[in-house]
Amino acid sequence: MVLFLSIAAPIWFVSMNKNSSTSTPAPNVGQPVDSPGDELLSTLSFNDLNGEKFSLKDLRGRVVLVNVWSTVSAASRAEVPTLNGMQESFGRSGLTVIGIATDASNEQVRQFQREVPQQYRVGLQSIGSKISITQLPTTYVIDRKGQVRKKLTGPQSKSTLVSEITPLLSEQP
């Protein structure tokens, strides 16, 4: 038993602590992500910082990056310029970037934005119990039909996001 634990424990530890930036690929190219609860994401509604309610259903026909983040997460803070660049570069081609703050009040998000401007729509919602979030930030790539096509955990580079959205932007709505 001791021999088993001395071998199994390090293997388990390494497998649980791999690179902090990972993705959950779709099982087959062009198929939605198969993560518990993630299919609910495209049906959720949020309140933006002005108190206006919006739903991801309203964005059908567009490719959507939904970035679930926290005001206290250094990784979330670092990813904002990349997300701003994505909205700026691909917004006219059919991309919409949405940030969903999970742990903050309206005022906390506004304070965050004074320090780190977000040039995309931000909503407030506690969604942890509704979808599977294990790390912040987590970014969902949603196709024009409203299907979650990829789940990316940890901060993402612009090149990774571009490689994920480019084929989706060329699909017909």
N, C-alpha and C. Protein backbone atom coordinates (compact mmCIF):
# COMPACT_ATOMS: atom_id res chain seq x y z
N MET A 1 0.83 -1.20 0.00
CA MET A 1 0.00 0.00 0.00
C MET A 1 0.87 1.25 0.00
N VAL A 2 1.91 1.27 0.82
CA VAL A 2 2.81 2.43 0.88
C VAL A 2 3.50 2.62 -0.45
N LEU A 3 3.93 1.52 -1.08
CA LEU A 3 4.57 1.61 -2.38
C LEU A 3 3.60 2.19 -3.41
N PHE A 4 2.36 1.73 -3.40
CA PHE A 4 1.35 2.25 -4.32
C PHE A 4 1.17 3.76 -4.14
N LEU A 5 1.01 4.22 -2.90
CA LEU A 5 0.82 5.65 -2.63
C LEU A 5 2.04 6.46 -3.01
N SER A 6 3.23 5.92 -2.81
CA SER A 6 4.44 6.66 -3.15
C SER A 6 4.58 6.84 -4.65
N ILE A 7 3.97 5.95 -5.42
CA ILE A 7 4.01 6.08 -6.88
C ILE A 7 2.81 6.88 -7.38
N ALA A 8 1.63 6.57 -6.88
CA ALA A 8 0.41 7.20 -7.38
C ALA A 8 0.28 8.66 -6.99
N ALA A 9 0.66 9.02 -5.78
CA ALA A 9 0.48 10.39 -5.30
C ALA A 9 1.23 11.41 -6.18
N PRO A 10 2.52 11.20 -6.50
CA PRO A 10 3.19 12.19 -7.37
C PRO A 10 2.57 12.28 -8.76
N ILE A 11 2.12 11.14 -9.31
CA ILE A 11 1.49 11.17 -10.63
C ILE A 11 0.20 11.98 -10.56
N TRP A 12 -0.61 11.75 -9.54
CA TRP A 12 -1.85 12.51 -9.37
C TRP A 12 -1.55 13.99 -9.21
N PHE A 13 -0.55 14.33 -8.38
CA PHE A 13 -0.22 15.73 -8.13
C PHE A 13 0.18 16.43 -9.42
N VAL A 14 1.04 15.79 -10.21
CA VAL A 14 1.49 16.40 -11.47
C VAL A 14 0.31 16.58 -12.42
N SER A 15 -0.56 15.56 -12.49
CA SER A 15 -1.70 15.68 -13.41
C SER A 15 -2.67 16.78 -12.98
N MET A 16 -2.77 17.06 -11.69
CA MET A 16 -3.67 18.10 -11.20
C MET A 16 -3.06 19.49 -11.31
N ASN A 17 -1.76 19.59 -11.49
CA ASN A 17 -1.10 20.90 -11.49
C ASN A 17 -0.38 21.17 -12.80
N LYS A 18 -0.97 20.79 -13.91
CA LYS A 18 -0.39 21.09 -15.21
C LYS A 18 -0.49 22.58 -15.49
N ASN A 19 0.00 23.00 -16.62
CA ASN A 19 -0.02 24.39 -17.06
C ASN A 19 -1.36 25.05 -16.72
N SER A 20 -1.31 26.25 -16.17
CA SER A 20 -2.51 26.93 -15.70
C SER A 20 -3.40 27.43 -16.83
N SER A 21 -2.90 27.49 -18.04
CA SER A 21 -3.70 27.93 -19.17
C SER A 21 -4.04 26.72 -20.02
N THR A 22 -5.28 26.30 -19.96
CA THR A 22 -5.68 25.10 -20.68
C THR A 22 -6.94 25.37 -21.45
N SER A 23 -7.25 24.45 -22.33
CA SER A 23 -8.50 24.56 -23.06
C SER A 23 -9.20 23.23 -23.04
N THR A 24 -10.50 23.30 -23.17
CA THR A 24 -11.31 22.11 -23.30
C THR A 24 -11.78 22.07 -24.74
N PRO A 25 -11.16 21.19 -25.55
CA PRO A 25 -11.55 21.17 -26.95
C PRO A 25 -12.91 20.54 -27.14
N ALA A 26 -13.54 20.91 -28.21
CA ALA A 26 -14.79 20.25 -28.56
C ALA A 26 -14.47 18.80 -28.92
N PRO A 27 -15.36 17.86 -28.62
CA PRO A 27 -15.09 16.46 -28.89
C PRO A 27 -14.81 16.20 -30.36
N ASN A 28 -15.52 16.85 -31.25
CA ASN A 28 -15.28 16.78 -32.68
C ASN A 28 -15.26 18.20 -33.19
N VAL A 29 -14.45 18.44 -34.21
CA VAL A 29 -14.40 19.78 -34.77
C VAL A 29 -15.81 20.18 -35.17
N GLY A 30 -16.21 21.37 -34.80
CA GLY A 30 -17.53 21.86 -35.16
C GLY A 30 -18.63 21.46 -34.21
N GLN A 31 -18.30 20.73 -33.17
CA GLN A 31 -19.30 20.30 -32.20
C GLN A 31 -19.19 21.14 -30.93
N PRO A 32 -20.27 21.28 -30.18
CA PRO A 32 -20.21 22.07 -28.95
C PRO A 32 -19.37 21.39 -27.88
N VAL A 33 -18.87 22.19 -26.94
CA VAL A 33 -18.10 21.69 -25.81
C VAL A 33 -19.02 20.86 -24.93
N ASP A 34 -18.49 19.77 -24.39
CA ASP A 34 -19.27 18.89 -23.54
C ASP A 34 -18.79 19.03 -22.10
N SER A 35 -19.14 20.12 -21.44
CA SER A 35 -18.82 20.34 -20.04
C SER A 35 -20.12 20.55 -19.29
N PRO A 36 -20.28 19.93 -18.14
CA PRO A 36 -21.54 20.05 -17.40
C PRO A 36 -21.94 21.50 -17.16
N GLY A 37 -23.14 21.83 -17.57
CA GLY A 37 -23.68 23.16 -17.32
C GLY A 37 -23.30 24.20 -18.35
N ASP A 38 -22.24 23.97 -19.15
CA ASP A 38 -21.79 24.99 -20.09
C ASP A 38 -22.82 25.31 -21.16
N GLU A 39 -23.67 24.33 -21.50
CA GLU A 39 -24.70 24.57 -22.51
C GLU A 39 -25.68 25.64 -22.03
N LEU A 40 -25.77 25.84 -20.72
CA LEU A 40 -26.67 26.86 -20.17
C LEU A 40 -26.16 28.28 -20.41
N LEU A 41 -24.87 28.40 -20.66
CA LEU A 41 -24.26 29.72 -20.80
C LEU A 41 -24.98 30.56 -21.84
N SER A 42 -25.27 29.99 -22.99
CA SER A 42 -25.87 30.79 -24.06
C SER A 42 -27.32 31.18 -23.77
N THR A 43 -27.89 30.67 -22.69
CA THR A 43 -29.27 31.03 -22.34
C THR A 43 -29.34 32.02 -21.18
N LEU A 44 -28.20 32.35 -20.59
CA LEU A 44 -28.19 33.22 -19.42
C LEU A 44 -28.40 34.68 -19.79
N SER A 45 -28.96 35.42 -18.84
CA SER A 45 -29.13 36.86 -18.97
C SER A 45 -28.28 37.54 -17.90
N PHE A 46 -27.86 38.76 -18.19
CA PHE A 46 -26.99 39.51 -17.30
C PHE A 46 -27.46 40.94 -17.22
N ASN A 47 -27.05 41.63 -16.16
CA ASN A 47 -27.25 43.07 -16.07
C ASN A 47 -25.91 43.72 -16.34
N ASP A 48 -25.92 44.74 -17.22
CA ASP A 48 -24.67 45.46 -17.45
C ASP A 48 -24.50 46.54 -16.39
N LEU A 49 -23.46 47.33 -16.52
CA LEU A 49 -23.14 48.32 -15.49
C LEU A 49 -24.14 49.46 -15.42
N ASN A 50 -24.97 49.60 -16.45
CA ASN A 50 -26.02 50.62 -16.45
C ASN A 50 -27.35 50.05 -15.97
N GLY A 51 -27.33 48.79 -15.56
CA GLY A 51 -28.55 48.16 -15.07
C GLY A 51 -29.43 47.58 -16.17
N GLU A 52 -28.96 47.64 -17.42
CA GLU A 52 -29.73 47.10 -18.53
C GLU A 52 -29.51 45.60 -18.62
N LYS A 53 -30.60 44.88 -18.79
CA LYS A 53 -30.52 43.43 -18.91
C LYS A 53 -30.21 43.06 -20.36
N PHE A 54 -29.30 42.09 -20.53
CA PHE A 54 -29.03 41.57 -21.86
C PHE A 54 -28.83 40.07 -21.77
N SER A 55 -29.06 39.42 -22.88
CA SER A 55 -28.96 37.97 -22.95
C SER A 55 -28.03 37.58 -24.09
N LEU A 56 -27.32 36.48 -23.90
CA LEU A 56 -26.47 36.01 -24.98
C LEU A 56 -27.31 35.53 -26.17
N LYS A 57 -28.57 35.18 -25.94
CA LYS A 57 -29.47 34.82 -27.04
C LYS A 57 -29.60 35.97 -28.03
N ASP A 58 -29.52 37.20 -27.50
CA ASP A 58 -29.66 38.38 -28.36
C ASP A 58 -28.49 38.53 -29.33
N LEU A 59 -27.42 37.78 -29.10
CA LEU A 59 -26.21 37.90 -29.93
C LEU A 59 -26.10 36.78 -30.96
N ARG A 60 -27.16 35.99 -31.12
CA ARG A 60 -27.13 34.95 -32.16
C ARG A 60 -26.83 35.60 -33.49
N GLY A 61 -26.01 34.94 -34.29
CA GLY A 61 -25.58 35.52 -35.56
C GLY A 61 -24.20 36.15 -35.45
N ARG A 62 -23.71 36.30 -34.21
CA ARG A 62 -22.38 36.84 -33.98
C ARG A 62 -21.54 35.78 -33.26
N VAL A 63 -20.25 35.84 -33.44
CA VAL A 63 -19.33 35.02 -32.65
C VAL A 63 -19.10 35.78 -31.36
N VAL A 64 -19.15 35.08 -30.23
CA VAL A 64 -19.06 35.74 -28.94
C VAL A 64 -17.94 35.12 -28.10
N LEU A 65 -17.11 35.98 -27.53
CA LEU A 65 -16.17 35.57 -26.50
C LEU A 65 -16.76 36.02 -25.17
N VAL A 66 -17.08 35.08 -24.31
CA VAL A 66 -17.58 35.41 -22.97
C VAL A 66 -16.44 35.16 -22.01
N ASN A 67 -15.94 36.24 -21.43
CA ASN A 67 -14.83 36.15 -20.49
C ASN A 67 -15.35 36.29 -19.07
N VAL A 68 -15.27 35.21 -18.31
CA VAL A 68 -15.71 35.21 -16.91
C VAL A 68 -14.48 35.56 -16.09
N TRP A 69 -14.59 36.62 -15.30
CA TRP A 69 -13.41 37.17 -14.64
C TRP A 69 -13.74 37.70 -13.26
N SER A 70 -12.70 38.16 -12.58
CA SER A 70 -12.85 38.70 -11.23
C SER A 70 -12.02 39.97 -11.09
N THR A 71 -12.53 40.92 -10.35
CA THR A 71 -11.79 42.17 -10.14
C THR A 71 -10.52 41.96 -9.33
N VAL A 72 -10.43 40.88 -8.57
CA VAL A 72 -9.26 40.64 -7.73
C VAL A 72 -8.28 39.65 -8.35
N SER A 73 -8.53 39.21 -9.56
CA SER A 73 -7.67 38.25 -10.23
C SER A 73 -6.63 38.97 -11.08
N ALA A 74 -5.35 38.76 -10.76
CA ALA A 74 -4.28 39.37 -11.53
C ALA A 74 -4.30 38.87 -12.98
N ALA A 75 -4.63 37.61 -13.16
CA ALA A 75 -4.70 37.05 -14.51
C ALA A 75 -5.82 37.70 -15.31
N SER A 76 -6.95 37.95 -14.66
CA SER A 76 -8.07 38.63 -15.33
C SER A 76 -7.66 40.04 -15.74
N ARG A 77 -6.99 40.73 -14.86
CA ARG A 77 -6.52 42.10 -15.13
C ARG A 77 -5.57 42.10 -16.33
N ALA A 78 -4.66 41.14 -16.37
CA ALA A 78 -3.67 41.09 -17.43
C ALA A 78 -4.28 40.78 -18.80
N GLU A 79 -5.42 40.11 -18.81
CA GLU A 79 -6.04 39.69 -20.06
C GLU A 79 -6.88 40.79 -20.72
N VAL A 80 -7.24 41.82 -19.99
CA VAL A 80 -8.12 42.88 -20.52
C VAL A 80 -7.58 43.52 -21.80
N PRO A 81 -6.30 43.91 -21.88
CA PRO A 81 -5.83 44.52 -23.14
C PRO A 81 -6.00 43.59 -24.35
N THR A 82 -5.81 42.30 -24.15
CA THR A 82 -6.00 41.35 -25.25
C THR A 82 -7.47 41.33 -25.69
N LEU A 83 -8.38 41.31 -24.72
CA LEU A 83 -9.80 41.31 -25.05
C LEU A 83 -10.22 42.62 -25.71
N ASN A 84 -9.68 43.74 -25.24
CA ASN A 84 -9.93 45.03 -25.90
C ASN A 84 -9.49 44.97 -27.36
N GLY A 85 -8.32 44.41 -27.59
CA GLY A 85 -7.79 44.30 -28.96
C GLY A 85 -8.64 43.40 -29.84
N MET A 86 -9.17 42.33 -29.26
CA MET A 86 -10.04 41.43 -30.02
C MET A 86 -11.31 42.16 -30.45
N GLN A 87 -11.93 42.90 -29.53
CA GLN A 87 -13.15 43.63 -29.87
C GLN A 87 -12.85 44.68 -30.95
N GLU A 88 -11.74 45.38 -30.79
CA GLU A 88 -11.36 46.41 -31.75
C GLU A 88 -11.07 45.82 -33.13
N SER A 89 -10.33 44.73 -33.17
CA SER A 89 -9.90 44.15 -34.45
C SER A 89 -10.99 43.36 -35.17
N PHE A 90 -11.87 42.71 -34.44
CA PHE A 90 -12.81 41.79 -35.07
C PHE A 90 -14.28 42.14 -34.88
N GLY A 91 -14.56 43.24 -34.19
CA GLY A 91 -15.95 43.63 -33.95
C GLY A 91 -16.74 43.82 -35.24
N ARG A 92 -16.15 44.43 -36.23
CA ARG A 92 -16.84 44.68 -37.50
C ARG A 92 -17.01 43.41 -38.32
N SER A 93 -16.24 42.38 -37.98
CA SER A 93 -16.33 41.10 -38.69
C SER A 93 -17.34 40.16 -38.06
N GLY A 94 -17.95 40.59 -36.95
CA GLY A 94 -18.97 39.76 -36.33
C GLY A 94 -18.63 39.22 -34.95
N LEU A 95 -17.58 39.73 -34.31
CA LEU A 95 -17.22 39.29 -32.96
C LEU A 95 -17.77 40.26 -31.93
N THR A 96 -18.27 39.71 -30.84
CA THR A 96 -18.65 40.50 -29.68
C THR A 96 -17.96 39.91 -28.47
N VAL A 97 -17.26 40.76 -27.72
CA VAL A 97 -16.61 40.35 -26.47
C VAL A 97 -17.50 40.80 -25.33
N ILE A 98 -17.77 39.88 -24.41
CA ILE A 98 -18.57 40.17 -23.22
C ILE A 98 -17.75 39.74 -22.01
N GLY A 99 -17.63 40.62 -21.03
CA GLY A 99 -16.99 40.26 -19.77
C GLY A 99 -18.06 40.06 -18.71
N ILE A 100 -17.94 38.99 -17.93
CA ILE A 100 -18.88 38.73 -16.85
C ILE A 100 -18.11 38.70 -15.54
N ALA A 101 -18.31 39.73 -14.72
CA ALA A 101 -17.65 39.82 -13.42
C ALA A 101 -18.41 38.94 -12.43
N THR A 102 -17.70 38.06 -11.76
CA THR A 102 -18.37 37.08 -10.90
C THR A 102 -18.44 37.47 -9.43
N ASP A 103 -17.60 38.37 -9.01
CA ASP A 103 -17.48 38.60 -7.56
C ASP A 103 -17.61 40.05 -7.15
N ALA A 104 -18.12 40.87 -8.03
CA ALA A 104 -18.01 42.30 -7.77
C ALA A 104 -19.37 43.00 -7.84
N SER A 105 -19.40 44.11 -7.16
CA SER A 105 -20.56 45.00 -7.28
C SER A 105 -20.31 45.94 -8.46
N ASN A 106 -21.34 46.65 -8.84
CA ASN A 106 -21.24 47.62 -9.90
C ASN A 106 -20.11 48.61 -9.62
N GLU A 107 -20.03 49.11 -8.39
CA GLU A 107 -18.99 50.09 -8.05
C GLU A 107 -17.59 49.48 -8.10
N GLN A 108 -17.45 48.23 -7.67
CA GLN A 108 -16.13 47.58 -7.74
C GLN A 108 -15.66 47.45 -9.19
N VAL A 109 -16.59 47.09 -10.08
CA VAL A 109 -16.23 46.97 -11.49
C VAL A 109 -15.88 48.33 -12.07
N ARG A 110 -16.65 49.36 -11.72
CA ARG A 110 -16.33 50.71 -12.22
C ARG A 110 -14.96 51.19 -11.72
N GLN A 111 -14.62 50.88 -10.49
CA GLN A 111 -13.28 51.21 -9.97
C GLN A 111 -12.21 50.45 -10.75
N PHE A 112 -12.44 49.17 -10.99
CA PHE A 112 -11.53 48.36 -11.79
C PHE A 112 -11.33 48.98 -13.16
N GLN A 113 -12.43 49.42 -13.79
CA GLN A 113 -12.36 49.99 -15.13
C GLN A 113 -11.65 51.34 -15.16
N ARG A 114 -11.64 52.06 -14.05
CA ARG A 114 -10.86 53.31 -14.00
C ARG A 114 -9.38 52.99 -14.09
N GLU A 115 -8.99 51.85 -13.54
CA GLU A 115 -7.59 51.42 -13.57
C GLU A 115 -7.25 50.64 -14.84
N VAL A 116 -8.18 49.82 -15.30
CA VAL A 116 -7.98 48.97 -16.47
C VAL A 116 -9.23 49.08 -17.35
N PRO A 117 -9.24 50.04 -18.28
CA PRO A 117 -10.44 50.24 -19.11
C PRO A 117 -10.79 49.00 -19.93
N GLN A 118 -12.06 48.66 -19.92
CA GLN A 118 -12.57 47.56 -20.72
C GLN A 118 -13.41 48.16 -21.83
N GLN A 119 -13.06 47.87 -23.06
CA GLN A 119 -13.73 48.46 -24.22
C GLN A 119 -14.73 47.48 -24.83
N TYR A 120 -15.39 46.75 -23.98
CA TYR A 120 -16.41 45.79 -24.36
C TYR A 120 -17.44 45.76 -23.26
N ARG A 121 -18.59 45.21 -23.55
CA ARG A 121 -19.69 45.19 -22.58
C ARG A 121 -19.36 44.28 -21.40
N VAL A 122 -19.70 44.75 -20.22
CA VAL A 122 -19.44 43.99 -19.00
C VAL A 122 -20.74 43.79 -18.25
N GLY A 123 -20.96 42.57 -17.84
CA GLY A 123 -22.15 42.22 -17.06
C GLY A 123 -21.76 41.75 -15.68
N LEU A 124 -22.72 41.80 -14.78
CA LEU A 124 -22.53 41.32 -13.41
C LEU A 124 -23.42 40.11 -13.21
N GLN A 125 -22.84 39.05 -12.69
CA GLN A 125 -23.63 37.85 -12.46
C GLN A 125 -22.82 36.85 -11.65
N SER A 126 -23.47 36.23 -10.73
CA SER A 126 -22.86 35.12 -10.02
C SER A 126 -23.26 33.86 -10.77
N ILE A 127 -22.35 33.36 -11.60
CA ILE A 127 -22.71 32.23 -12.45
C ILE A 127 -22.01 30.94 -12.06
N GLY A 128 -21.23 30.98 -11.00
CA GLY A 128 -20.47 29.82 -10.60
C GLY A 128 -21.30 28.56 -10.39
N SER A 129 -22.52 28.71 -9.90
CA SER A 129 -23.35 27.54 -9.67
C SER A 129 -24.12 27.13 -10.94
N LYS A 130 -24.10 27.97 -11.95
CA LYS A 130 -24.87 27.69 -13.16
C LYS A 130 -24.03 27.03 -14.25
N ILE A 131 -22.74 27.35 -14.30
CA ILE A 131 -21.84 26.73 -15.27
C ILE A 131 -20.57 26.29 -14.56
N SER A 132 -19.78 25.50 -15.24
CA SER A 132 -18.59 24.90 -14.66
C SER A 132 -17.39 25.84 -14.77
N ILE A 133 -17.08 26.56 -13.69
CA ILE A 133 -15.92 27.46 -13.65
C ILE A 133 -14.96 26.92 -12.60
N THR A 134 -13.75 26.59 -13.03
CA THR A 134 -12.76 26.08 -12.08
C THR A 134 -11.58 27.03 -11.93
N GLN A 135 -11.47 28.00 -12.82
CA GLN A 135 -10.34 28.92 -12.79
C GLN A 135 -10.76 30.23 -13.44
N LEU A 136 -10.23 31.33 -12.92
CA LEU A 136 -10.48 32.63 -13.53
C LEU A 136 -9.18 33.19 -14.07
N PRO A 137 -9.23 33.81 -15.21
CA PRO A 137 -10.39 33.94 -16.08
C PRO A 137 -10.68 32.64 -16.84
N THR A 138 -11.93 32.52 -17.26
CA THR A 138 -12.36 31.45 -18.16
C THR A 138 -13.07 32.12 -19.32
N THR A 139 -12.69 31.73 -20.52
CA THR A 139 -13.28 32.34 -21.71
C THR A 139 -13.98 31.26 -22.52
N TYR A 140 -15.22 31.56 -22.87
CA TYR A 140 -16.01 30.67 -23.71
C TYR A 140 -16.07 31.26 -25.11
N VAL A 141 -15.87 30.41 -26.10
CA VAL A 141 -16.01 30.80 -27.50
C VAL A 141 -17.34 30.24 -27.97
N ILE A 142 -18.23 31.14 -28.39
CA ILE A 142 -19.58 30.76 -28.79
C ILE A 142 -19.76 31.08 -30.26
N ASP A 143 -20.27 30.12 -31.00
CA ASP A 143 -20.43 30.31 -32.45
C ASP A 143 -21.69 31.12 -32.76
N ARG A 144 -21.91 31.37 -34.04
CA ARG A 144 -23.02 32.20 -34.48
C ARG A 144 -24.39 31.59 -34.18
N LYS A 145 -24.43 30.29 -33.92
CA LYS A 145 -25.68 29.60 -33.60
C LYS A 145 -25.93 29.57 -32.09
N GLY A 146 -25.00 30.11 -31.31
CA GLY A 146 -25.17 30.14 -29.87
C GLY A 146 -24.61 28.92 -29.15
N GLN A 147 -23.84 28.09 -29.84
CA GLN A 147 -23.26 26.90 -29.22
C GLN A 147 -21.87 27.21 -28.68
N VAL A 148 -21.60 26.74 -27.45
CA VAL A 148 -20.26 26.88 -26.88
C VAL A 148 -19.35 25.92 -27.65
N ARG A 149 -18.34 26.48 -28.30
CA ARG A 149 -17.44 25.66 -29.11
C ARG A 149 -16.12 25.38 -28.42
N LYS A 150 -15.74 26.25 -27.45
CA LYS A 150 -14.47 26.05 -26.77
C LYS A 150 -14.54 26.72 -25.42
N LYS A 151 -13.89 26.11 -24.46
CA LYS A 151 -13.76 26.67 -23.12
C LYS A 151 -12.26 26.78 -22.85
N LEU A 152 -11.80 28.00 -22.60
CA LEU A 152 -10.39 28.27 -22.36
C LEU A 152 -10.21 28.75 -20.93
N THR A 153 -9.34 28.12 -20.18
CA THR A 153 -9.12 28.55 -18.80
C THR A 153 -7.75 29.21 -18.68
N GLY A 154 -7.69 30.19 -17.81
CA GLY A 154 -6.47 30.96 -17.63
C GLY A 154 -6.41 32.08 -18.65
N PRO A 155 -5.46 33.00 -18.49
CA PRO A 155 -5.33 34.11 -19.44
C PRO A 155 -4.91 33.58 -20.81
N GLN A 156 -5.48 34.15 -21.86
CA GLN A 156 -5.22 33.69 -23.23
C GLN A 156 -4.47 34.75 -24.02
N SER A 157 -3.63 34.29 -24.91
CA SER A 157 -2.91 35.20 -25.81
C SER A 157 -3.82 35.59 -26.97
N LYS A 158 -3.49 36.68 -27.60
CA LYS A 158 -4.27 37.12 -28.76
C LYS A 158 -4.21 36.07 -29.85
N SER A 159 -3.04 35.46 -30.07
CA SER A 159 -2.93 34.46 -31.13
C SER A 159 -3.83 33.26 -30.87
N THR A 160 -3.97 32.85 -29.61
CA THR A 160 -4.87 31.73 -29.30
C THR A 160 -6.30 32.11 -29.60
N LEU A 161 -6.71 33.29 -29.16
CA LEU A 161 -8.09 33.72 -29.39
C LEU A 161 -8.38 33.89 -30.88
N VAL A 162 -7.43 34.46 -31.60
CA VAL A 162 -7.60 34.63 -33.05
C VAL A 162 -7.76 33.28 -33.72
N SER A 163 -6.95 32.29 -33.33
CA SER A 163 -7.05 30.98 -33.96
C SER A 163 -8.39 30.30 -33.65
N GLU A 164 -8.98 30.63 -32.51
CA GLU A 164 -10.28 30.04 -32.15
C GLU A 164 -11.45 30.71 -32.88
N ILE A 165 -11.39 32.03 -33.06
CA ILE A 165 -12.55 32.72 -33.64
C ILE A 165 -12.52 32.80 -35.16
N THR A 166 -11.34 32.76 -35.77
CA THR A 166 -11.25 32.97 -37.21
C THR A 166 -12.12 31.99 -38.00
N PRO A 167 -12.06 30.67 -37.74
CA PRO A 167 -12.94 29.79 -38.51
C PRO A 167 -14.43 30.06 -38.23
N LEU A 168 -14.76 30.48 -37.03
CA LEU A 168 -16.17 30.74 -36.68
C LEU A 168 -16.69 31.98 -37.37
N LEU A 169 -15.82 32.97 -37.54
CA LEU A 169 -16.26 34.20 -38.21
C LEU A 169 -16.57 33.95 -39.68
N SER A 170 -15.95 32.94 -40.27
CA SER A 170 -16.20 32.65 -41.70
C SER A 170 -17.44 31.78 -41.90
N GLU A 171 -18.01 31.22 -40.82
CA GLU A 171 -19.24 30.43 -40.93
C GLU A 171 -20.44 31.33 -41.16
N GLN A 172 -21.42 30.81 -41.85
CA GLN A 172 -22.66 31.55 -42.07
C GLN A 172 -23.51 31.54 -40.81
N PRO A 173 -24.19 32.66 -40.51
CA PRO A 173 -25.06 32.69 -39.33
C PRO A 173 -26.25 31.76 -39.47
